[in-house]
């Protein structure tokens, strides 16, 4: 069972920045094939924000392109989301996601969620 520990988040004004980090631990970390962030705003479905495969280039939601940057440190099993120029539509609970592939089976693990709020 993998464990994900998130940190960061908080409240900023529009145009501000936040950084979220997520550290994965457990026996399966060597089989992580993707790490990323999703978010769920009140009354909405959870949506992908950004994800970074092991080697391939990252993928971003159109709404955050050119504002958010995802980075991954494979030596530390750490994924970080730098959020710049935050907008009123960005507030949500942000969830770290890790995909582990073992013998062809894929398993999803989620963090507990951290709040990213934007308010003037």
Protein backbone atom coordinates (compact mmCIF):
# COMPACT_ATOMS: atom_id res chain seq x y z
CA UNK A 1 0.00 0.00 0.00
CA UNK A 2 1.46 3.28 -1.06
CA UNK A 3 1.23 6.38 1.05
CA UNK A 4 1.04 9.87 -0.34
CA UNK A 5 1.78 12.87 1.83
CA UNK A 6 0.77 16.23 0.43
CA UNK A 7 1.96 19.63 1.53
CA UNK A 8 1.43 23.18 0.43
CA UNK A 9 -1.78 24.85 -0.51
CA UNK A 10 -3.40 27.76 1.22
CA UNK A 11 -5.07 31.02 0.36
CA UNK A 12 -3.77 33.64 -2.04
CA UNK A 13 -5.11 36.61 -3.89
CA UNK A 14 -5.84 36.46 -7.62
CA UNK A 15 -2.59 36.48 -9.51
CA UNK A 16 -0.75 34.88 -6.63
CA UNK A 17 1.16 31.62 -6.51
CA UNK A 18 1.03 28.40 -4.58
CA UNK A 19 3.18 25.31 -4.59
CA UNK A 20 1.93 21.83 -3.82
CA UNK A 21 4.17 18.87 -3.11
CA UNK A 22 3.45 15.19 -2.76
CA UNK A 23 5.83 12.52 -1.54
CA UNK A 24 5.12 8.87 -2.20
CA UNK A 25 6.35 6.01 -0.06
CA UNK A 26 5.76 2.28 0.13
CA UNK A 27 6.90 -0.92 -1.46
CA UNK A 28 5.58 -0.03 -4.87
CA UNK A 29 7.32 3.28 -5.43
CA UNK A 30 9.83 1.66 -7.75
CA UNK A 31 6.91 0.77 -10.03
CA UNK A 32 5.45 4.27 -10.24
CA UNK A 33 4.73 5.08 -13.86
CA UNK A 34 2.90 8.37 -13.45
CA UNK A 35 2.50 11.11 -10.86
CA UNK A 36 0.17 14.04 -11.04
CA UNK A 37 -2.43 16.33 -9.60
CA UNK A 38 -6.17 16.43 -9.89
CA UNK A 39 -8.59 18.90 -8.39
CA UNK A 40 -12.20 18.97 -7.39
CA UNK A 41 -14.08 22.20 -6.97
CA UNK A 42 -17.28 22.38 -4.97
CA UNK A 43 -20.12 20.84 -6.91
CA UNK A 44 -17.89 19.65 -9.73
CA UNK A 45 -16.25 16.43 -10.74
CA UNK A 46 -12.62 15.72 -10.09
CA UNK A 47 -10.50 16.76 -13.05
CA UNK A 48 -6.95 16.33 -14.16
CA UNK A 49 -4.73 19.33 -13.60
CA UNK A 50 -1.34 18.01 -14.64
CA UNK A 51 0.49 14.73 -14.76
CA UNK A 52 4.04 13.64 -15.43
CA UNK A 53 4.82 10.16 -16.76
CA UNK A 54 8.10 8.49 -15.92
CA UNK A 55 9.84 9.70 -19.07
CA UNK A 56 7.34 11.37 -21.38
CA UNK A 57 6.51 15.04 -21.33
CA UNK A 58 3.93 16.35 -18.87
CA UNK A 59 0.31 16.83 -19.72
CA UNK A 60 -1.73 19.82 -18.58
CA UNK A 61 -5.36 20.75 -18.53
CA UNK A 62 -6.03 23.52 -21.00
CA UNK A 63 -7.22 25.78 -18.20
CA UNK A 64 -3.83 25.74 -16.47
CA UNK A 65 -1.42 25.67 -19.39
CA UNK A 66 1.23 28.38 -19.20
CA UNK A 67 0.32 29.02 -15.56
CA UNK A 68 1.04 25.75 -13.77
CA UNK A 69 4.20 23.69 -13.93
CA UNK A 70 4.56 20.11 -12.76
CA UNK A 71 7.90 18.64 -11.85
CA UNK A 72 8.95 15.26 -10.62
CA UNK A 73 11.94 14.04 -8.65
CA UNK A 74 12.15 10.33 -9.23
CA UNK A 75 14.95 9.91 -6.69
CA UNK A 76 12.64 11.17 -3.96
CA UNK A 77 9.33 9.96 -5.41
CA UNK A 78 8.20 13.55 -5.22
CA UNK A 79 5.88 15.47 -7.48
CA UNK A 80 5.48 19.23 -7.24
CA UNK A 81 2.93 21.55 -8.78
CA UNK A 82 3.85 25.20 -9.09
CA UNK A 83 0.73 27.28 -9.60
CA UNK A 84 1.21 30.82 -10.83
CA UNK A 85 -1.24 33.54 -11.75
CA UNK A 86 -4.01 31.88 -9.83
CA UNK A 87 -7.49 32.78 -10.95
CA UNK A 88 -10.89 32.80 -9.24
CA UNK A 89 -11.75 29.56 -11.07
CA UNK A 90 -8.80 27.69 -9.59
CA UNK A 91 -9.99 27.15 -6.01
CA UNK A 92 -10.47 23.47 -5.31
CA UNK A 93 -9.25 20.57 -3.27
CA UNK A 94 -6.12 19.38 -5.01
CA UNK A 95 -5.33 15.67 -4.92
CA UNK A 96 -2.04 14.00 -5.61
CA UNK A 97 -2.31 10.94 -7.80
CA UNK A 98 0.21 8.17 -8.30
CA UNK A 99 -0.13 5.30 -10.71
CA UNK A 100 1.74 2.09 -9.98
CA UNK A 101 2.09 -0.68 -12.52
CA UNK A 102 2.87 -4.18 -11.29
CA UNK A 103 2.94 -7.18 -13.63
CA UNK A 104 0.71 -5.35 -16.05
CA UNK A 105 -1.86 -4.32 -13.46
CA UNK A 106 -2.26 -0.65 -12.73
CA UNK A 107 -3.17 0.69 -9.32
CA UNK A 108 -4.18 4.22 -8.43
CA UNK A 109 -3.31 5.93 -5.20
CA UNK A 110 -4.59 9.28 -3.96
CA UNK A 111 -3.48 11.81 -1.43
CA UNK A 112 -5.79 13.16 1.21
CA UNK A 113 -6.31 16.42 -0.63
CA UNK A 114 -5.11 19.92 0.08
CA UNK A 115 -6.97 23.16 -0.41
CA UNK A 116 -5.93 25.77 -2.88
CA UNK A 117 -8.01 28.90 -2.46
CA UNK A 118 -8.06 32.19 -4.28
CA UNK A 119 -9.80 35.17 -2.79
CA UNK A 120 -9.44 38.90 -2.91
